[in-house]
Amino acid sequence: MTFTKRVFLGFSLVACLATPLRAGETLTKTGDVLQILLPAIAGVCAIRQGMGSTFAAGFITTESVTHG
């Protein structure tokens, strides 16, 4: 298993175990965790593929559009 896959699986496992899916506030917390974890995982992959600057530009654009 490659390093990137291990990092992705590790983050995924932490996200799943840290906030079990239940109705209400817990589901909101899960979304908050994923909002941070998914871009972090994508950033690790982009950096390992030598596309860090492209990822950063896309991330900044997405954040500025979605969060105003």
PDB file of N, CA and C in Angstrom:
ATOM      1  N   MET A   1       0.844  -1.169   0.000  1.00  0.00           N
ATOM      2  CA  MET A   1       0.000   0.000   0.000  1.00  0.00           C
ATOM      3  C   MET A   1       0.897   1.242   0.000  1.00  0.00           C
ATOM      4  N   THR A   2       0.567   2.189  -0.848  1.00  0.00           N
ATOM      5  CA  THR A   2       1.380   3.391  -0.968  1.00  0.00           C
ATOM      6  C   THR A   2       1.142   4.328   0.217  1.00  0.00           C
ATOM      7  N   PHE A   3       2.052   5.265   0.366  1.00  0.00           N
ATOM      8  CA  PHE A   3       1.953   6.236   1.451  1.00  0.00           C
ATOM      9  C   PHE A   3       0.659   7.040   1.354  1.00  0.00           C
ATOM     10  N   THR A   4       0.310   7.469   0.147  1.00  0.00           N
ATOM     11  CA  THR A   4      -0.893   8.279  -0.041  1.00  0.00           C
ATOM     12  C   THR A   4      -2.137   7.503   0.369  1.00  0.00           C
ATOM     13  N   LYS A   5      -2.197   6.227   0.002  1.00  0.00           N
ATOM     14  CA  LYS A   5      -3.352   5.413   0.381  1.00  0.00           C
ATOM     15  C   LYS A   5      -3.424   5.239   1.890  1.00  0.00           C
ATOM     16  N   ARG A   6      -2.269   5.061   2.522  1.00  0.00           N
ATOM     17  CA  ARG A   6      -2.254   4.924   3.983  1.00  0.00           C
ATOM     18  C   ARG A   6      -2.743   6.203   4.654  1.00  0.00           C
ATOM     19  N   VAL A   7      -2.294   7.357   4.147  1.00  0.00           N
ATOM     20  CA  VAL A   7      -2.734   8.641   4.718  1.00  0.00           C
ATOM     21  C   VAL A   7      -4.237   8.801   4.534  1.00  0.00           C
ATOM     22  N   PHE A   8      -4.725   8.504   3.342  1.00  0.00           N
ATOM     23  CA  PHE A   8      -6.155   8.630   3.060  1.00  0.00           C
ATOM     24  C   PHE A   8      -6.965   7.706   3.967  1.00  0.00           C
ATOM     25  N   LEU A   9      -6.547   6.452   4.085  1.00  0.00           N
ATOM     26  CA  LEU A   9      -7.275   5.514   4.936  1.00  0.00           C
ATOM     27  C   LEU A   9      -7.215   5.923   6.403  1.00  0.00           C
ATOM     28  N   GLY A  10      -6.073   6.441   6.827  1.00  0.00           N
ATOM     29  CA  GLY A  10      -5.951   6.903   8.202  1.00  0.00           C
ATOM     30  C   GLY A  10      -6.886   8.060   8.508  1.00  0.00           C
ATOM     31  N   PHE A  11      -6.907   9.061   7.633  1.00  0.00           N
ATOM     32  CA  PHE A  11      -7.810  10.191   7.822  1.00  0.00           C
ATOM     33  C   PHE A  11      -9.265   9.743   7.767  1.00  0.00           C
ATOM     34  N   SER A  12      -9.576   8.832   6.860  1.00  0.00           N
ATOM     35  CA  SER A  12     -10.947   8.337   6.740  1.00  0.00           C
ATOM     36  C   SER A  12     -11.381   7.613   8.005  1.00  0.00           C
ATOM     37  N   LEU A  13     -10.498   6.786   8.531  1.00  0.00           N
ATOM     38  CA  LEU A  13     -10.813   6.055   9.750  1.00  0.00           C
ATOM     39  C   LEU A  13     -11.027   7.009  10.924  1.00  0.00           C
ATOM     40  N   VAL A  14     -10.163   7.994  11.040  1.00  0.00           N
ATOM     41  CA  VAL A  14     -10.312   8.979  12.120  1.00  0.00           C
ATOM     42  C   VAL A  14     -11.626   9.726  11.979  1.00  0.00           C
ATOM     43  N   ALA A  15     -11.963  10.119  10.766  1.00  0.00           N
ATOM     44  CA  ALA A  15     -13.210  10.855  10.539  1.00  0.00           C
ATOM     45  C   ALA A  15     -14.424  10.005  10.904  1.00  0.00           C
ATOM     46  N   CYS A  16     -14.373   8.734  10.558  1.00  0.00           N
ATOM     47  CA  CYS A  16     -15.507   7.850  10.855  1.00  0.00           C
ATOM     48  C   CYS A  16     -15.626   7.554  12.345  1.00  0.00           C
ATOM     49  N   LEU A  17     -14.510   7.346  13.002  1.00  0.00           N
ATOM     50  CA  LEU A  17     -14.551   6.996  14.418  1.00  0.00           C
ATOM     51  C   LEU A  17     -14.756   8.209  15.311  1.00  0.00           C
ATOM     52  N   ALA A  18     -14.290   9.354  14.877  1.00  0.00           N
ATOM     53  CA  ALA A  18     -14.368  10.549  15.720  1.00  0.00           C
ATOM     54  C   ALA A  18     -15.799  11.037  15.885  1.00  0.00           C
ATOM     55  N   THR A  19     -16.611  10.873  14.869  1.00  0.00           N
ATOM     56  CA  THR A  19     -17.982  11.376  14.934  1.00  0.00           C
ATOM     57  C   THR A  19     -18.933  10.337  14.353  1.00  0.00           C
ATOM     58  N   PRO A  20     -19.480   9.473  15.187  1.00  0.00           N
ATOM     59  CA  PRO A  20     -20.424   8.473  14.681  1.00  0.00           C
ATOM     60  C   PRO A  20     -21.667   9.153  14.117  1.00  0.00           C
ATOM     61  N   LEU A  21     -22.236   8.545  13.097  1.00  0.00           N
ATOM     62  CA  LEU A  21     -23.397   9.139  12.443  1.00  0.00           C
ATOM     63  C   LEU A  21     -24.661   8.936  13.277  1.00  0.00           C
ATOM     64  N   ARG A  22     -25.174  10.042  13.761  1.00  0.00           N
ATOM     65  CA  ARG A  22     -26.457  10.065  14.448  1.00  0.00           C
ATOM     66  C   ARG A  22     -27.169  11.327  14.000  1.00  0.00           C
ATOM     67  N   ALA A  23     -28.456  11.349  14.197  1.00  0.00           N
ATOM     68  CA  ALA A  23     -29.224  12.513  13.768  1.00  0.00           C
ATOM     69  C   ALA A  23     -28.878  13.723  14.628  1.00  0.00           C
ATOM     70  N   GLY A  24     -29.093  14.886  14.072  1.00  0.00           N
ATOM     71  CA  GLY A  24     -28.944  16.117  14.836  1.00  0.00           C
ATOM     72  C   GLY A  24     -27.561  16.714  14.790  1.00  0.00           C
ATOM     73  N   GLU A  25     -27.094  17.132  15.956  1.00  0.00           N
ATOM     74  CA  GLU A  25     -25.840  17.873  16.061  1.00  0.00           C
ATOM     75  C   GLU A  25     -24.628  17.045  15.636  1.00  0.00           C
ATOM     76  N   THR A  26     -24.676  15.743  15.875  1.00  0.00           N
ATOM     77  CA  THR A  26     -23.546  14.886  15.518  1.00  0.00           C
ATOM     78  C   THR A  26     -23.324  14.877  14.015  1.00  0.00           C
ATOM     79  N   LEU A  27     -24.400  14.883  13.262  1.00  0.00           N
ATOM     80  CA  LEU A  27     -24.272  14.911  11.807  1.00  0.00           C
ATOM     81  C   LEU A  27     -23.638  16.217  11.348  1.00  0.00           C
ATOM     82  N   THR A  28     -23.956  17.301  12.015  1.00  0.00           N
ATOM     83  CA  THR A  28     -23.334  18.586  11.709  1.00  0.00           C
ATOM     84  C   THR A  28     -21.845  18.542  12.027  1.00  0.00           C
ATOM     85  N   LYS A  29     -21.482  17.919  13.151  1.00  0.00           N
ATOM     86  CA  LYS A  29     -20.073  17.793  13.509  1.00  0.00           C
ATOM     87  C   LYS A  29     -19.320  16.954  12.481  1.00  0.00           C
ATOM     88  N   THR A  30     -19.959  15.909  11.979  1.00  0.00           N
ATOM     89  CA  THR A  30     -19.339  15.077  10.944  1.00  0.00           C
ATOM     90  C   THR A  30     -19.046  15.908   9.703  1.00  0.00           C
ATOM     91  N   GLY A  31     -19.989  16.732   9.304  1.00  0.00           N
ATOM     92  CA  GLY A  31     -19.780  17.611   8.161  1.00  0.00           C
ATOM     93  C   GLY A  31     -18.651  18.592   8.389  1.00  0.00           C
ATOM     94  N   ASP A  32     -18.557  19.104   9.609  1.00  0.00           N
ATOM     95  CA  ASP A  32     -17.474  20.025   9.939  1.00  0.00           C
ATOM     96  C   ASP A  32     -16.111  19.341   9.844  1.00  0.00           C
ATOM     97  N   VAL A  33     -16.035  18.104  10.336  1.00  0.00           N
ATOM     98  CA  VAL A  33     -14.786  17.347  10.266  1.00  0.00           C
ATOM     99  C   VAL A  33     -14.414  17.067   8.821  1.00  0.00           C
ATOM    100  N   LEU A  34     -15.384  16.633   8.029  1.00  0.00           N
ATOM    101  CA  LEU A  34     -15.106  16.317   6.621  1.00  0.00           C
ATOM    102  C   LEU A  34     -14.723  17.565   5.829  1.00  0.00           C
ATOM    103  N   GLN A  35     -15.259  18.705   6.216  1.00  0.00           N
ATOM    104  CA  GLN A  35     -14.933  19.961   5.538  1.00  0.00           C
ATOM    105  C   GLN A  35     -13.452  20.277   5.664  1.00  0.00           C
ATOM    106  N   ILE A  36     -12.825  19.809   6.714  1.00  0.00           N
ATOM    107  CA  ILE A  36     -11.396  20.024   6.919  1.00  0.00           C
ATOM    108  C   ILE A  36     -10.578  18.860   6.373  1.00  0.00           C
ATOM    109  N   LEU A  37     -11.029  17.638   6.637  1.00  0.00           N
ATOM    110  CA  LEU A  37     -10.252  16.458   6.259  1.00  0.00           C
ATOM    111  C   LEU A  37     -10.129  16.252   4.749  1.00  0.00           C
ATOM    112  N   LEU A  38     -11.224  16.391   4.028  1.00  0.00           N
ATOM    113  CA  LEU A  38     -11.179  16.096   2.592  1.00  0.00           C
ATOM    114  C   LEU A  38     -10.219  17.003   1.822  1.00  0.00           C
ATOM    115  N   PRO A  39     -10.251  18.319   2.038  1.00  0.00           N
ATOM    116  CA  PRO A  39      -9.255  19.149   1.357  1.00  0.00           C
ATOM    117  C   PRO A  39      -7.825  18.846   1.808  1.00  0.00           C
ATOM    118  N   ALA A  40      -7.649  18.480   3.079  1.00  0.00           N
ATOM    119  CA  ALA A  40      -6.305  18.137   3.563  1.00  0.00           C
ATOM    120  C   ALA A  40      -5.779  16.891   2.861  1.00  0.00           C
ATOM    121  N   ILE A  41      -6.624  15.896   2.710  1.00  0.00           N
ATOM    122  CA  ILE A  41      -6.232  14.673   2.013  1.00  0.00           C
ATOM    123  C   ILE A  41      -5.930  14.970   0.551  1.00  0.00           C
ATOM    124  N   ALA A  42      -6.773  15.773  -0.074  1.00  0.00           N
ATOM    125  CA  ALA A  42      -6.536  16.141  -1.476  1.00  0.00           C
ATOM    126  C   ALA A  42      -5.233  16.922  -1.617  1.00  0.00           C
ATOM    127  N   GLY A  43      -4.942  17.773  -0.644  1.00  0.00           N
ATOM    128  CA  GLY A  43      -3.694  18.535  -0.673  1.00  0.00           C
ATOM    129  C   GLY A  43      -2.476  17.641  -0.582  1.00  0.00           C
ATOM    130  N   VAL A  44      -2.531  16.634   0.284  1.00  0.00           N
ATOM    131  CA  VAL A  44      -1.417  15.685   0.394  1.00  0.00           C
ATOM    132  C   VAL A  44      -1.201  14.975  -0.932  1.00  0.00           C
ATOM    133  N   CYS A  45      -2.270  14.532  -1.549  1.00  0.00           N
ATOM    134  CA  CYS A  45      -2.159  13.850  -2.841  1.00  0.00           C
ATOM    135  C   CYS A  45      -1.578  14.778  -3.911  1.00  0.00           C
ATOM    136  N   ALA A  46      -2.054  16.021  -3.947  1.00  0.00           N
ATOM    137  CA  ALA A  46      -1.575  16.972  -4.949  1.00  0.00           C
ATOM    138  C   ALA A  46      -0.091  17.273  -4.763  1.00  0.00           C
ATOM    139  N   ILE A  47       0.333  17.441  -3.530  1.00  0.00           N
ATOM    140  CA  ILE A  47       1.743  17.725  -3.261  1.00  0.00           C
ATOM    141  C   ILE A  47       2.607  16.547  -3.674  1.00  0.00           C
ATOM    142  N   ARG A  48       2.163  15.335  -3.364  1.00  0.00           N
ATOM    143  CA  ARG A  48       2.942  14.140  -3.720  1.00  0.00           C
ATOM    144  C   ARG A  48       3.014  13.957  -5.235  1.00  0.00           C
ATOM    145  N   GLN A  49       2.039  14.485  -5.974  1.00  0.00           N
ATOM    146  CA  GLN A  49       2.050  14.385  -7.432  1.00  0.00           C
ATOM    147  C   GLN A  49       2.701  15.595  -8.086  1.00  0.00           C
ATOM    148  N   GLY A  50       3.217  16.505  -7.290  1.00  0.00           N
ATOM    149  CA  GLY A  50       3.881  17.695  -7.827  1.00  0.00           C
ATOM    150  C   GLY A  50       2.925  18.744  -8.355  1.00  0.00           C
ATOM    151  N   MET A  51       1.691  18.741  -7.869  1.00  0.00           N
ATOM    152  CA  MET A  51       0.687  19.685  -8.351  1.00  0.00           C
ATOM    153  C   MET A  51       0.178  20.574  -7.218  1.00  0.00           C
ATOM    154  N   GLY A  52       1.051  20.874  -6.261  1.00  0.00           N
ATOM    155  CA  GLY A  52       0.661  21.655  -5.096  1.00  0.00           C
ATOM    156  C   GLY A  52       0.169  23.055  -5.432  1.00  0.00           C
ATOM    157  N   SER A  53       0.822  23.710  -6.384  1.00  0.00           N
ATOM    158  CA  SER A  53       0.408  25.077  -6.726  1.00  0.00           C
ATOM    159  C   SER A  53      -0.959  25.092  -7.407  1.00  0.00           C
ATOM    160  N   THR A  54      -1.223  24.098  -8.238  1.00  0.00           N
ATOM    161  CA  THR A  54      -2.529  23.995  -8.889  1.00  0.00           C
ATOM    162  C   THR A  54      -3.616  23.749  -7.849  1.00  0.00           C
ATOM    163  N   PHE A  55      -3.323  22.862  -6.912  1.00  0.00           N
ATOM    164  CA  PHE A  55      -4.287  22.590  -5.844  1.00  0.00           C
ATOM    165  C   PHE A  55      -4.549  23.844  -5.019  1.00  0.00           C
ATOM    166  N   ALA A  56      -3.489  24.560  -4.658  1.00  0.00           N
ATOM    167  CA  ALA A  56      -3.638  25.766  -3.843  1.00  0.00           C
ATOM    168  C   ALA A  56      -4.505  26.802  -4.553  1.00  0.00           C
ATOM    169  N   ALA A  57      -4.290  26.984  -5.841  1.00  0.00           N
ATOM    170  CA  ALA A  57      -5.097  27.946  -6.601  1.00  0.00           C
ATOM    171  C   ALA A  57      -6.565  27.531  -6.619  1.00  0.00           C
ATOM    172  N   GLY A  58      -6.813  26.252  -6.850  1.00  0.00           N
ATOM    173  CA  GLY A  58      -8.190  25.767  -6.856  1.00  0.00           C
ATOM    174  C   GLY A  58      -8.841  25.856  -5.494  1.00  0.00           C
ATOM    175  N   PHE A  59      -8.083  25.551  -4.456  1.00  0.00           N
ATOM    176  CA  PHE A  59      -8.610  25.609  -3.092  1.00  0.00           C
ATOM    177  C   PHE A  59      -8.978  27.030  -2.713  1.00  0.00           C
ATOM    178  N   ILE A  60      -8.093  27.967  -3.000  1.00  0.00           N
ATOM    179  CA  ILE A  60      -8.350  29.366  -2.663  1.00  0.00           C
ATOM    180  C   ILE A  60      -9.567  29.887  -3.424  1.00  0.00           C
ATOM    181  N   THR A  61      -9.661  29.532  -4.692  1.00  0.00           N
ATOM    182  CA  THR A  61     -10.825  29.954  -5.489  1.00  0.00           C
ATOM    183  C   THR A  61     -12.114  29.375  -4.925  1.00  0.00           C
ATOM    184  N   THR A  62     -12.106  28.091  -4.626  1.00  0.00           N
ATOM    185  CA  THR A  62     -13.294  27.434  -4.091  1.00  0.00           C
ATOM    186  C   THR A  62     -13.710  28.031  -2.759  1.00  0.00           C
ATOM    187  N   GLU A  63     -12.758  28.239  -1.861  1.00  0.00           N
ATOM    188  CA  GLU A  63     -13.071  28.811  -0.553  1.00  0.00           C
ATOM    189  C   GLU A  63     -13.614  30.225  -0.673  1.00  0.00           C
ATOM    190  N   SER A  64     -13.035  31.019  -1.573  1.00  0.00           N
ATOM    191  CA  SER A  64     -13.502  32.403  -1.702  1.00  0.00           C
ATOM    192  C   SER A  64     -14.906  32.464  -2.300  1.00  0.00           C
ATOM    193  N   VAL A  65     -15.236  31.536  -3.187  1.00  0.00           N
ATOM    194  CA  VAL A  65     -16.575  31.529  -3.787  1.00  0.00           C
ATOM    195  C   VAL A  65     -17.608  30.990  -2.796  1.00  0.00           C
ATOM    196  N   THR A  66     -17.277  29.895  -2.099  1.00  0.00           N
ATOM    197  CA  THR A  66     -18.273  29.278  -1.222  1.00  0.00           C
ATOM    198  C   THR A  66     -18.437  29.978   0.116  1.00  0.00           C
ATOM    199  N   HIS A  67     -17.374  30.598   0.617  1.00  0.00           N
ATOM    200  CA  HIS A  67     -17.470  31.251   1.919  1.00  0.00           C
ATOM    201  C   HIS A  67     -17.487  32.776   1.821  1.00  0.00           C
ATOM    202  N   GLY A  68     -17.516  33.261   0.608  1.00  0.00           N
ATOM    203  CA  GLY A  68     -17.729  34.667   0.367  1.00  0.00           C
ATOM    204  C   GLY A  68     -16.634  35.584   0.653  1.00  0.00           C
TER     205      GLY A  68
END
